[in-house]
C-alpha cells in the first residue's frame, strides 16, 4: 500500500487574525500546527516541543537571533528557527515545518516542504 501524502492547501485563518510576533495554534491535516506571523511573513511549525513532548510552541516567545526568526519554547526555553524548524540550541533536534501561503488575505497551510 502506498503512503498517503497530503498535497492540498487548507485555509486556517485570516491573516488579520494573526498578531505580529505571536503564535496561534490550529489543527491542520489532523496535526497540531503553530502559526507565527513575523515581519518577514507567516511560518508554520508542528506545535510539538520535542524536549517537553507537549503541544506548546504556539505559546512561545517570538523574536530573532542573529537575524533568524525564532520561537522559544515556553517550558524549557529551547529556540527553534521558524523557517527550518531546526533547534538552535541542539543541532540534532528539529521540529516539522509546513508550507504556508497567503491568498486573498487568508492563511493557508500546505504540505511539509
C-alpha atoms as a PDB file:
ATOM      1  CA  UNK A   1       0.000   0.000   0.000  1.00  0.00           C
ATOM      2  CA  UNK A   2       1.379   3.421  -0.955  1.00  0.00           C
ATOM      3  CA  UNK A   3       1.877   6.010   1.754  1.00  0.00           C
ATOM      4  CA  UNK A   4      -0.673   8.838   1.749  1.00  0.00           C
ATOM      5  CA  UNK A   5       0.858  12.249   1.124  1.00  0.00           C
ATOM      6  CA  UNK A   6      -1.043  15.449   1.908  1.00  0.00           C
ATOM      7  CA  UNK A   7      -0.732  17.835  -1.039  1.00  0.00           C
ATOM      8  CA  UNK A   8      -3.756  20.090  -0.664  1.00  0.00           C
ATOM      9  CA  UNK A   9      -3.786  23.515   0.944  1.00  0.00           C
ATOM     10  CA  UNK A  10      -6.078  24.160   3.916  1.00  0.00           C
ATOM     11  CA  UNK A  11      -7.438  27.601   4.816  1.00  0.00           C
ATOM     12  CA  UNK A  12      -6.701  28.169   8.509  1.00  0.00           C
ATOM     13  CA  UNK A  13      -7.492  31.794   9.364  1.00  0.00           C
ATOM     14  CA  UNK A  14      -7.414  35.344   8.069  1.00  0.00           C
ATOM     15  CA  UNK A  15      -4.000  36.990   8.060  1.00  0.00           C
ATOM     16  CA  UNK A  16      -5.538  39.796  10.138  1.00  0.00           C
ATOM     17  CA  UNK A  17      -6.309  37.203  12.861  1.00  0.00           C
ATOM     18  CA  UNK A  18      -2.592  36.614  13.458  1.00  0.00           C
ATOM     19  CA  UNK A  19      -0.837  39.127  15.674  1.00  0.00           C
ATOM     20  CA  UNK A  20       2.719  40.011  14.676  1.00  0.00           C
ATOM     21  CA  UNK A  21       5.308  38.145  16.782  1.00  0.00           C
ATOM     22  CA  UNK A  22       2.679  35.951  18.430  1.00  0.00           C
ATOM     23  CA  UNK A  23       1.757  32.320  17.867  1.00  0.00           C
ATOM     24  CA  UNK A  24      -1.618  30.726  17.251  1.00  0.00           C
ATOM     25  CA  UNK A  25      -2.427  27.020  17.247  1.00  0.00           C
ATOM     26  CA  UNK A  26      -4.621  25.224  14.728  1.00  0.00           C
ATOM     27  CA  UNK A  27      -5.492  21.684  13.694  1.00  0.00           C
ATOM     28  CA  UNK A  28      -4.460  21.073  10.074  1.00  0.00           C
ATOM     29  CA  UNK A  29      -4.450  17.723   8.272  1.00  0.00           C
ATOM     30  CA  UNK A  30      -5.039  16.116  11.688  1.00  0.00           C
ATOM     31  CA  UNK A  31      -1.875  17.694  13.114  1.00  0.00           C
ATOM     32  CA  UNK A  32      -1.454  20.395  15.768  1.00  0.00           C
ATOM     33  CA  UNK A  33       0.213  23.331  13.997  1.00  0.00           C
ATOM     34  CA  UNK A  34       1.704  26.528  15.433  1.00  0.00           C
ATOM     35  CA  UNK A  35       1.345  29.571  13.156  1.00  0.00           C
ATOM     36  CA  UNK A  36       3.561  32.628  13.581  1.00  0.00           C
ATOM     37  CA  UNK A  37       3.306  35.973  11.823  1.00  0.00           C
ATOM     38  CA  UNK A  38       6.577  37.890  11.788  1.00  0.00           C
ATOM     39  CA  UNK A  39       7.866  40.930   9.946  1.00  0.00           C
ATOM     40  CA  UNK A  40       9.139  38.638   7.175  1.00  0.00           C
ATOM     41  CA  UNK A  41       5.981  36.540   6.703  1.00  0.00           C
ATOM     42  CA  UNK A  42       3.980  33.676   8.157  1.00  0.00           C
ATOM     43  CA  UNK A  43       5.562  30.441   9.364  1.00  0.00           C
ATOM     44  CA  UNK A  44       4.058  27.096  10.384  1.00  0.00           C
ATOM     45  CA  UNK A  45       5.652  24.516  12.646  1.00  0.00           C
ATOM     46  CA  UNK A  46       4.359  21.444  14.380  1.00  0.00           C
ATOM     47  CA  UNK A  47       3.037  22.642  17.743  1.00  0.00           C
ATOM     48  CA  UNK A  48       5.116  19.959  19.451  1.00  0.00           C
ATOM     49  CA  UNK A  49       8.029  20.764  21.746  1.00  0.00           C
ATOM     50  CA  UNK A  50      10.367  17.781  21.342  1.00  0.00           C
ATOM     51  CA  UNK A  51      12.000  18.428  24.723  1.00  0.00           C
ATOM     52  CA  UNK A  52       8.875  18.612  26.888  1.00  0.00           C
ATOM     53  CA  UNK A  53       6.804  16.449  24.495  1.00  0.00           C
ATOM     54  CA  UNK A  54       3.879  18.834  24.875  1.00  0.00           C
ATOM     55  CA  UNK A  55       1.892  20.998  22.489  1.00  0.00           C
ATOM     56  CA  UNK A  56       3.278  24.372  23.454  1.00  0.00           C
ATOM     57  CA  UNK A  57       5.289  26.114  20.730  1.00  0.00           C
ATOM     58  CA  UNK A  58       2.381  28.386  19.757  1.00  0.00           C
ATOM     59  CA  UNK A  59       2.700  29.923  23.245  1.00  0.00           C
ATOM     60  CA  UNK A  60       6.428  30.520  22.889  1.00  0.00           C
ATOM     61  CA  UNK A  61       8.282  33.816  22.688  1.00  0.00           C
ATOM     62  CA  UNK A  62       8.853  35.031  19.130  1.00  0.00           C
ATOM     63  CA  UNK A  63      11.848  37.117  18.145  1.00  0.00           C
ATOM     64  CA  UNK A  64      15.122  36.942  16.250  1.00  0.00           C
ATOM     65  CA  UNK A  65      18.577  35.598  16.932  1.00  0.00           C
ATOM     66  CA  UNK A  66      21.275  36.850  14.557  1.00  0.00           C
ATOM     67  CA  UNK A  67      18.578  37.836  12.005  1.00  0.00           C
ATOM     68  CA  UNK A  68      16.972  34.366  12.215  1.00  0.00           C
ATOM     69  CA  UNK A  69      13.243  34.415  13.077  1.00  0.00           C
ATOM     70  CA  UNK A  70      12.806  32.169  16.122  1.00  0.00           C
ATOM     71  CA  UNK A  71      10.376  30.872  18.703  1.00  0.00           C
ATOM     72  CA  UNK A  72      11.476  29.910  22.200  1.00  0.00           C
ATOM     73  CA  UNK A  73       9.732  27.049  23.943  1.00  0.00           C
ATOM     74  CA  UNK A  74       7.672  28.348  26.878  1.00  0.00           C
ATOM     75  CA  UNK A  75       8.629  25.332  29.005  1.00  0.00           C
ATOM     76  CA  UNK A  76      12.354  24.820  28.582  1.00  0.00           C
ATOM     77  CA  UNK A  77      13.401  27.838  26.509  1.00  0.00           C
ATOM     78  CA  UNK A  78      14.915  25.899  23.609  1.00  0.00           C
ATOM     79  CA  UNK A  79      14.943  28.076  20.490  1.00  0.00           C
ATOM     80  CA  UNK A  80      13.721  26.954  17.049  1.00  0.00           C
ATOM     81  CA  UNK A  81      14.264  28.574  13.646  1.00  0.00           C
ATOM     82  CA  UNK A  82      10.792  29.417  12.298  1.00  0.00           C
ATOM     83  CA  UNK A  83      11.955  28.865   8.703  1.00  0.00           C
ATOM     84  CA  UNK A  84      13.560  25.441   9.079  1.00  0.00           C
ATOM     85  CA  UNK A  85      12.362  24.042  12.414  1.00  0.00           C
ATOM     86  CA  UNK A  86      15.987  23.467  13.497  1.00  0.00           C
ATOM     87  CA  UNK A  87      16.742  23.849  17.177  1.00  0.00           C
ATOM     88  CA  UNK A  88      19.431  26.494  17.568  1.00  0.00           C
ATOM     89  CA  UNK A  89      20.437  25.052  20.949  1.00  0.00           C
ATOM     90  CA  UNK A  90      20.804  21.408  19.825  1.00  0.00           C
ATOM     91  CA  UNK A  91      21.515  20.764  16.156  1.00  0.00           C
ATOM     92  CA  UNK A  92      20.305  17.159  16.467  1.00  0.00           C
ATOM     93  CA  UNK A  93      16.716  18.291  17.119  1.00  0.00           C
ATOM     94  CA  UNK A  94      14.220  19.640  14.621  1.00  0.00           C
ATOM     95  CA  UNK A  95      10.502  20.447  14.555  1.00  0.00           C
ATOM     96  CA  UNK A  96       8.435  19.697  11.445  1.00  0.00           C
ATOM     97  CA  UNK A  97       7.742  22.723   9.250  1.00  0.00           C
ATOM     98  CA  UNK A  98       4.829  23.217   6.862  1.00  0.00           C
ATOM     99  CA  UNK A  99       4.445  25.265   3.709  1.00  0.00           C
ATOM    100  CA  UNK A 100       2.409  28.458   4.214  1.00  0.00           C
ATOM    101  CA  UNK A 101       0.894  30.913   1.782  1.00  0.00           C
ATOM    102  CA  UNK A 102      -1.492  33.846   1.991  1.00  0.00           C
ATOM    103  CA  UNK A 103      -4.205  34.011  -0.670  1.00  0.00           C
ATOM    104  CA  UNK A 104      -6.623  36.957  -0.704  1.00  0.00           C
ATOM    105  CA  UNK A 105      -5.869  37.655   2.955  1.00  0.00           C
ATOM    106  CA  UNK A 106      -6.372  34.030   4.071  1.00  0.00           C
ATOM    107  CA  UNK A 107      -3.542  31.965   5.571  1.00  0.00           C
ATOM    108  CA  UNK A 108      -3.310  28.503   4.037  1.00  0.00           C
ATOM    109  CA  UNK A 109      -1.159  25.628   5.278  1.00  0.00           C
ATOM    110  CA  UNK A 110       0.039  23.059   2.822  1.00  0.00           C
ATOM    111  CA  UNK A 111       2.258  20.043   2.870  1.00  0.00           C
ATOM    112  CA  UNK A 112       5.554  19.624   4.605  1.00  0.00           C
ATOM    113  CA  UNK A 113       8.277  21.000   2.303  1.00  0.00           C
END
